[in-house]
Amino acid sequence: DQVLDVVRREAEGCDCLQGFQITHSLGGGTGAGMGTLLISKIREEFPDRMMATFSVMPSPKVSDTVVEPYNATLSVHQLVENSDETFCIDNEALYDICMRTLKLSNPSYGDLNHLVSAVMSGVTTCLRFPGQLNSDLRKLAVNMVPFPRLHF
């Protein structure tokens, strides 16, 4: 409830609220459980606003927890129901990019987060700078999502 109060307060301060962007991991309990709960609550509160998520998918090679596959499986259902656009980020691919392309022998979470932020920056460039194509979240979804439930 406290988180939703903060979201409501921030939304009330907006002149033209397009939607929400949520970044979370699907492997752990907080991102998978609390993150998808927050997404569903925001969807209830703002049903006509766009919901875009940047979801980090767990990988068996870089797994810390045995329940990661279960958390991810349960979370994906919530994303199908409550998200308009889901940008899937593969944890294993992040490690591979750090090791093979960036030549980091032991990538830290900071290195992985830096890569994720670069991806998010690239995806949202059209929203932050003037242009004709994909100038808001809804237009981005129209051009990227062929069918509503195929928004991954």
C-alpha atoms as a PDB file:
ATOM      1  CA  ASP A   1       0.000   0.000   0.000  1.00  0.00           C
ATOM      2  CA  GLN A   2       2.849   2.406   0.770  1.00  0.00           C
ATOM      3  CA  VAL A   3       4.436   1.739  -2.611  1.00  0.00           C
ATOM      4  CA  LEU A   4       1.109   2.299  -4.386  1.00  0.00           C
ATOM      5  CA  ASP A   5       0.638   5.569  -2.489  1.00  0.00           C
ATOM      6  CA  VAL A   6       4.003   6.766  -3.799  1.00  0.00           C
ATOM      7  CA  VAL A   7       3.077   5.653  -7.342  1.00  0.00           C
ATOM      8  CA  ARG A   8      -0.279   7.474  -7.087  1.00  0.00           C
ATOM      9  CA  ARG A   9       1.388  10.626  -5.802  1.00  0.00           C
ATOM     10  CA  GLU A  10       3.948  10.593  -8.639  1.00  0.00           C
ATOM     11  CA  ALA A  11       1.215   9.907 -11.222  1.00  0.00           C
ATOM     12  CA  GLU A  12      -0.853  12.835  -9.938  1.00  0.00           C
ATOM     13  CA  GLY A  13       2.130  15.121 -10.481  1.00  0.00           C
ATOM     14  CA  CYS A  14       2.344  14.209 -14.183  1.00  0.00           C
ATOM     15  CA  ASP A  15       0.839  16.398 -16.888  1.00  0.00           C
ATOM     16  CA  CYS A  16       0.472  13.561 -19.388  1.00  0.00           C
ATOM     17  CA  LEU A  17       1.098  10.120 -17.902  1.00  0.00           C
ATOM     18  CA  GLN A  18       1.868   7.675 -20.727  1.00  0.00           C
ATOM     19  CA  GLY A  19       2.480   4.622 -18.605  1.00  0.00           C
ATOM     20  CA  PHE A  20       4.940   2.827 -16.393  1.00  0.00           C
ATOM     21  CA  GLN A  21       8.299   1.136 -16.879  1.00  0.00           C
ATOM     22  CA  ILE A  22       9.244  -1.526 -14.353  1.00  0.00           C
ATOM     23  CA  THR A  23      12.671  -3.131 -14.100  1.00  0.00           C
ATOM     24  CA  HIS A  24      12.871  -6.406 -12.192  1.00  0.00           C
ATOM     25  CA  SER A  25      14.419  -9.831 -12.096  1.00  0.00           C
ATOM     26  CA  LEU A  26      12.288 -12.950 -12.417  1.00  0.00           C
ATOM     27  CA  GLY A  27      14.627 -15.223 -10.474  1.00  0.00           C
ATOM     28  CA  GLY A  28      14.420 -13.895  -6.936  1.00  0.00           C
ATOM     29  CA  GLY A  29      11.452 -13.493  -4.646  1.00  0.00           C
ATOM     30  CA  THR A  30      11.429  -9.699  -4.594  1.00  0.00           C
ATOM     31  CA  GLY A  31      11.506  -9.059  -8.338  1.00  0.00           C
ATOM     32  CA  ALA A  32       9.372 -12.052  -9.245  1.00  0.00           C
ATOM     33  CA  GLY A  33       6.848 -11.869  -6.413  1.00  0.00           C
ATOM     34  CA  MET A  34       6.745  -8.253  -5.312  1.00  0.00           C
ATOM     35  CA  GLY A  35       7.527  -6.958  -8.818  1.00  0.00           C
ATOM     36  CA  THR A  36       4.662  -8.788 -10.513  1.00  0.00           C
ATOM     37  CA  LEU A  37       2.317  -7.942  -7.628  1.00  0.00           C
ATOM     38  CA  LEU A  38       3.190  -4.273  -8.085  1.00  0.00           C
ATOM     39  CA  ILE A  39       2.577  -4.572 -11.834  1.00  0.00           C
ATOM     40  CA  SER A  40      -0.869  -6.107 -11.273  1.00  0.00           C
ATOM     41  CA  LYS A  41      -1.803  -3.466  -8.666  1.00  0.00           C
ATOM     42  CA  ILE A  42      -0.683  -0.632 -10.965  1.00  0.00           C
ATOM     43  CA  ARG A  43      -2.709  -2.235 -13.784  1.00  0.00           C
ATOM     44  CA  GLU A  44      -5.800  -2.255 -11.529  1.00  0.00           C
ATOM     45  CA  GLU A  45      -5.254   1.381 -10.563  1.00  0.00           C
ATOM     46  CA  PHE A  46      -4.359   2.640 -14.081  1.00  0.00           C
ATOM     47  CA  PRO A  47      -5.955   0.200 -16.572  1.00  0.00           C
ATOM     48  CA  ASP A  48      -5.688   2.558 -19.556  1.00  0.00           C
ATOM     49  CA  ARG A  49      -1.960   3.324 -19.156  1.00  0.00           C
ATOM     50  CA  MET A  50       0.847   1.411 -20.842  1.00  0.00           C
ATOM     51  CA  MET A  51       2.914  -1.045 -18.814  1.00  0.00           C
ATOM     52  CA  ALA A  52       6.421  -1.808 -20.064  1.00  0.00           C
ATOM     53  CA  THR A  53       8.730  -4.131 -18.164  1.00  0.00           C
ATOM     54  CA  PHE A  54      12.424  -4.875 -18.452  1.00  0.00           C
ATOM     55  CA  SER A  55      12.586  -8.381 -17.020  1.00  0.00           C
ATOM     56  CA  VAL A  56      15.883 -10.141 -16.304  1.00  0.00           C
ATOM     57  CA  MET A  57      15.389 -13.858 -16.964  1.00  0.00           C
ATOM     58  CA  PRO A  58      17.270 -16.374 -14.812  1.00  0.00           C
ATOM     59  CA  SER A  59      19.735 -18.814 -16.302  1.00  0.00           C
ATOM     60  CA  PRO A  60      20.756 -22.275 -15.086  1.00  0.00           C
ATOM     61  CA  LYS A  61      24.454 -21.466 -15.606  1.00  0.00           C
ATOM     62  CA  VAL A  62      24.472 -18.355 -13.419  1.00  0.00           C
ATOM     63  CA  SER A  63      21.848 -19.374 -10.880  1.00  0.00           C
ATOM     64  CA  ASP A  64      22.163 -18.620  -7.176  1.00  0.00           C
ATOM     65  CA  THR A  65      18.916 -20.239  -6.063  1.00  0.00           C
ATOM     66  CA  VAL A  66      17.217 -23.535  -6.795  1.00  0.00           C
ATOM     67  CA  VAL A  67      13.756 -21.914  -6.913  1.00  0.00           C
ATOM     68  CA  GLU A  68      14.637 -19.456  -9.712  1.00  0.00           C
ATOM     69  CA  PRO A  69      12.881 -21.511 -12.441  1.00  0.00           C
ATOM     70  CA  TYR A  70       9.697 -21.676 -10.343  1.00  0.00           C
ATOM     71  CA  ASN A  71       9.745 -17.945  -9.609  1.00  0.00           C
ATOM     72  CA  ALA A  72      10.261 -17.176 -13.297  1.00  0.00           C
ATOM     73  CA  THR A  73       7.496 -19.532 -14.430  1.00  0.00           C
ATOM     74  CA  LEU A  74       4.958 -18.047 -12.040  1.00  0.00           C
ATOM     75  CA  SER A  75       6.008 -14.499 -12.922  1.00  0.00           C
ATOM     76  CA  VAL A  76       5.733 -14.939 -16.684  1.00  0.00           C
ATOM     77  CA  HIS A  77       1.996 -15.629 -16.321  1.00  0.00           C
ATOM     78  CA  GLN A  78       1.555 -12.275 -14.566  1.00  0.00           C
ATOM     79  CA  LEU A  79       3.554 -10.545 -17.301  1.00  0.00           C
ATOM     80  CA  VAL A  80       1.356 -12.091 -20.004  1.00  0.00           C
ATOM     81  CA  GLU A  81      -1.749 -10.786 -18.246  1.00  0.00           C
ATOM     82  CA  ASN A  82      -0.633  -7.362 -17.005  1.00  0.00           C
ATOM     83  CA  SER A  83       2.167  -6.054 -19.226  1.00  0.00           C
ATOM     84  CA  ASP A  84       1.841  -4.386 -22.625  1.00  0.00           C
ATOM     85  CA  GLU A  85       5.539  -4.682 -23.528  1.00  0.00           C
ATOM     86  CA  THR A  86       8.083  -6.975 -21.916  1.00  0.00           C
ATOM     87  CA  PHE A  87      11.742  -6.635 -22.813  1.00  0.00           C
ATOM     88  CA  CYS A  88      13.386  -9.918 -21.796  1.00  0.00           C
ATOM     89  CA  ILE A  89      17.005  -9.678 -20.705  1.00  0.00           C
ATOM     90  CA  ASP A  90      18.880 -12.972 -20.472  1.00  0.00           C
ATOM     91  CA  ASN A  91      21.210 -13.180 -17.478  1.00  0.00           C
ATOM     92  CA  GLU A  92      23.488 -15.700 -19.179  1.00  0.00           C
ATOM     93  CA  ALA A  93      23.780 -13.507 -22.278  1.00  0.00           C
ATOM     94  CA  LEU A  94      24.763 -10.570 -20.053  1.00  0.00           C
ATOM     95  CA  TYR A  95      27.585 -12.648 -18.558  1.00  0.00           C
ATOM     96  CA  ASP A  96      28.696 -13.780 -22.026  1.00  0.00           C
ATOM     97  CA  ILE A  97      28.794 -10.190 -23.301  1.00  0.00           C
ATOM     98  CA  CYS A  98      30.829  -9.114 -20.281  1.00  0.00           C
ATOM     99  CA  MET A  99      33.295 -11.972 -20.643  1.00  0.00           C
ATOM    100  CA  ARG A 100      33.632 -12.280 -24.436  1.00  0.00           C
ATOM    101  CA  THR A 101      33.013  -8.770 -25.733  1.00  0.00           C
ATOM    102  CA  LEU A 102      34.070  -6.577 -22.820  1.00  0.00           C
ATOM    103  CA  LYS A 103      36.851  -9.014 -21.783  1.00  0.00           C
ATOM    104  CA  LEU A 104      35.961  -8.927 -18.082  1.00  0.00           C
ATOM    105  CA  SER A 105      37.286 -12.038 -16.348  1.00  0.00           C
ATOM    106  CA  ASN A 106      34.926 -11.847 -13.367  1.00  0.00           C
ATOM    107  CA  PRO A 107      31.901  -9.609 -14.124  1.00  0.00           C
ATOM    108  CA  SER A 108      30.223  -7.985 -11.127  1.00  0.00           C
ATOM    109  CA  TYR A 109      26.552  -7.122 -10.721  1.00  0.00           C
ATOM    110  CA  GLY A 110      27.569  -3.526 -11.399  1.00  0.00           C
ATOM    111  CA  ASP A 111      28.912  -4.565 -14.810  1.00  0.00           C
ATOM    112  CA  LEU A 112      25.698  -6.442 -15.596  1.00  0.00           C
ATOM    113  CA  ASN A 113      23.574  -3.512 -14.428  1.00  0.00           C
ATOM    114  CA  HIS A 114      25.596  -1.190 -16.649  1.00  0.00           C
ATOM    115  CA  LEU A 115      24.747  -3.364 -19.653  1.00  0.00           C
ATOM    116  CA  VAL A 116      21.059  -3.414 -18.703  1.00  0.00           C
ATOM    117  CA  SER A 117      21.051   0.376 -18.374  1.00  0.00           C
ATOM    118  CA  ALA A 118      22.609   0.681 -21.844  1.00  0.00           C
ATOM    119  CA  VAL A 119      19.857  -1.540 -23.279  1.00  0.00           C
ATOM    120  CA  MET A 120      17.155   0.478 -21.521  1.00  0.00           C
ATOM    121  CA  SER A 121      18.699   3.710 -22.744  1.00  0.00           C
ATOM    122  CA  GLY A 122      18.680   2.435 -26.316  1.00  0.00           C
ATOM    123  CA  VAL A 123      15.074   1.252 -26.142  1.00  0.00           C
ATOM    124  CA  THR A 124      13.816   4.499 -24.607  1.00  0.00           C
ATOM    125  CA  THR A 125      15.807   6.876 -26.831  1.00  0.00           C
ATOM    126  CA  CYS A 126      12.778   7.447 -29.054  1.00  0.00           C
ATOM    127  CA  LEU A 127      10.751   8.469 -25.980  1.00  0.00           C
ATOM    128  CA  ARG A 128      13.336  10.904 -24.652  1.00  0.00           C
ATOM    129  CA  PHE A 129      14.358  12.716 -27.823  1.00  0.00           C
ATOM    130  CA  PRO A 130      12.200  14.369 -30.500  1.00  0.00           C
ATOM    131  CA  GLY A 131      11.382  12.347 -33.576  1.00  0.00           C
ATOM    132  CA  GLN A 132       8.588  10.962 -35.720  1.00  0.00           C
ATOM    133  CA  LEU A 133       8.810   7.241 -34.991  1.00  0.00           C
ATOM    134  CA  ASN A 134       7.738   5.672 -31.672  1.00  0.00           C
ATOM    135  CA  SER A 135       7.345   9.005 -29.904  1.00  0.00           C
ATOM    136  CA  ASP A 136       5.435   7.535 -26.951  1.00  0.00           C
ATOM    137  CA  LEU A 137       4.998   4.199 -25.174  1.00  0.00           C
ATOM    138  CA  ARG A 138       1.795   3.332 -27.039  1.00  0.00           C
ATOM    139  CA  LYS A 139       3.324   3.954 -30.488  1.00  0.00           C
ATOM    140  CA  LEU A 140       6.358   1.913 -29.477  1.00  0.00           C
ATOM    141  CA  ALA A 141       4.061  -0.985 -28.548  1.00  0.00           C
ATOM    142  CA  VAL A 142       2.060  -0.651 -31.783  1.00  0.00           C
ATOM    143  CA  ASN A 143       5.256  -0.998 -33.819  1.00  0.00           C
ATOM    144  CA  MET A 144       6.852  -3.762 -31.732  1.00  0.00           C
ATOM    145  CA  VAL A 145       3.963  -6.003 -30.624  1.00  0.00           C
ATOM    146  CA  PRO A 146       2.190  -8.022 -33.365  1.00  0.00           C
ATOM    147  CA  PHE A 147      -0.582  -9.376 -31.083  1.00  0.00           C
ATOM    148  CA  PRO A 148      -1.447  -8.228 -27.545  1.00  0.00           C
ATOM    149  CA  ARG A 149      -0.394 -11.443 -25.814  1.00  0.00           C
ATOM    150  CA  LEU A 150       2.821 -11.698 -27.870  1.00  0.00           C
ATOM    151  CA  HIS A 151       4.457  -8.703 -26.227  1.00  0.00           C
ATOM    152  CA  PHE A 152       7.757 -10.362 -25.287  1.00  0.00           C
END
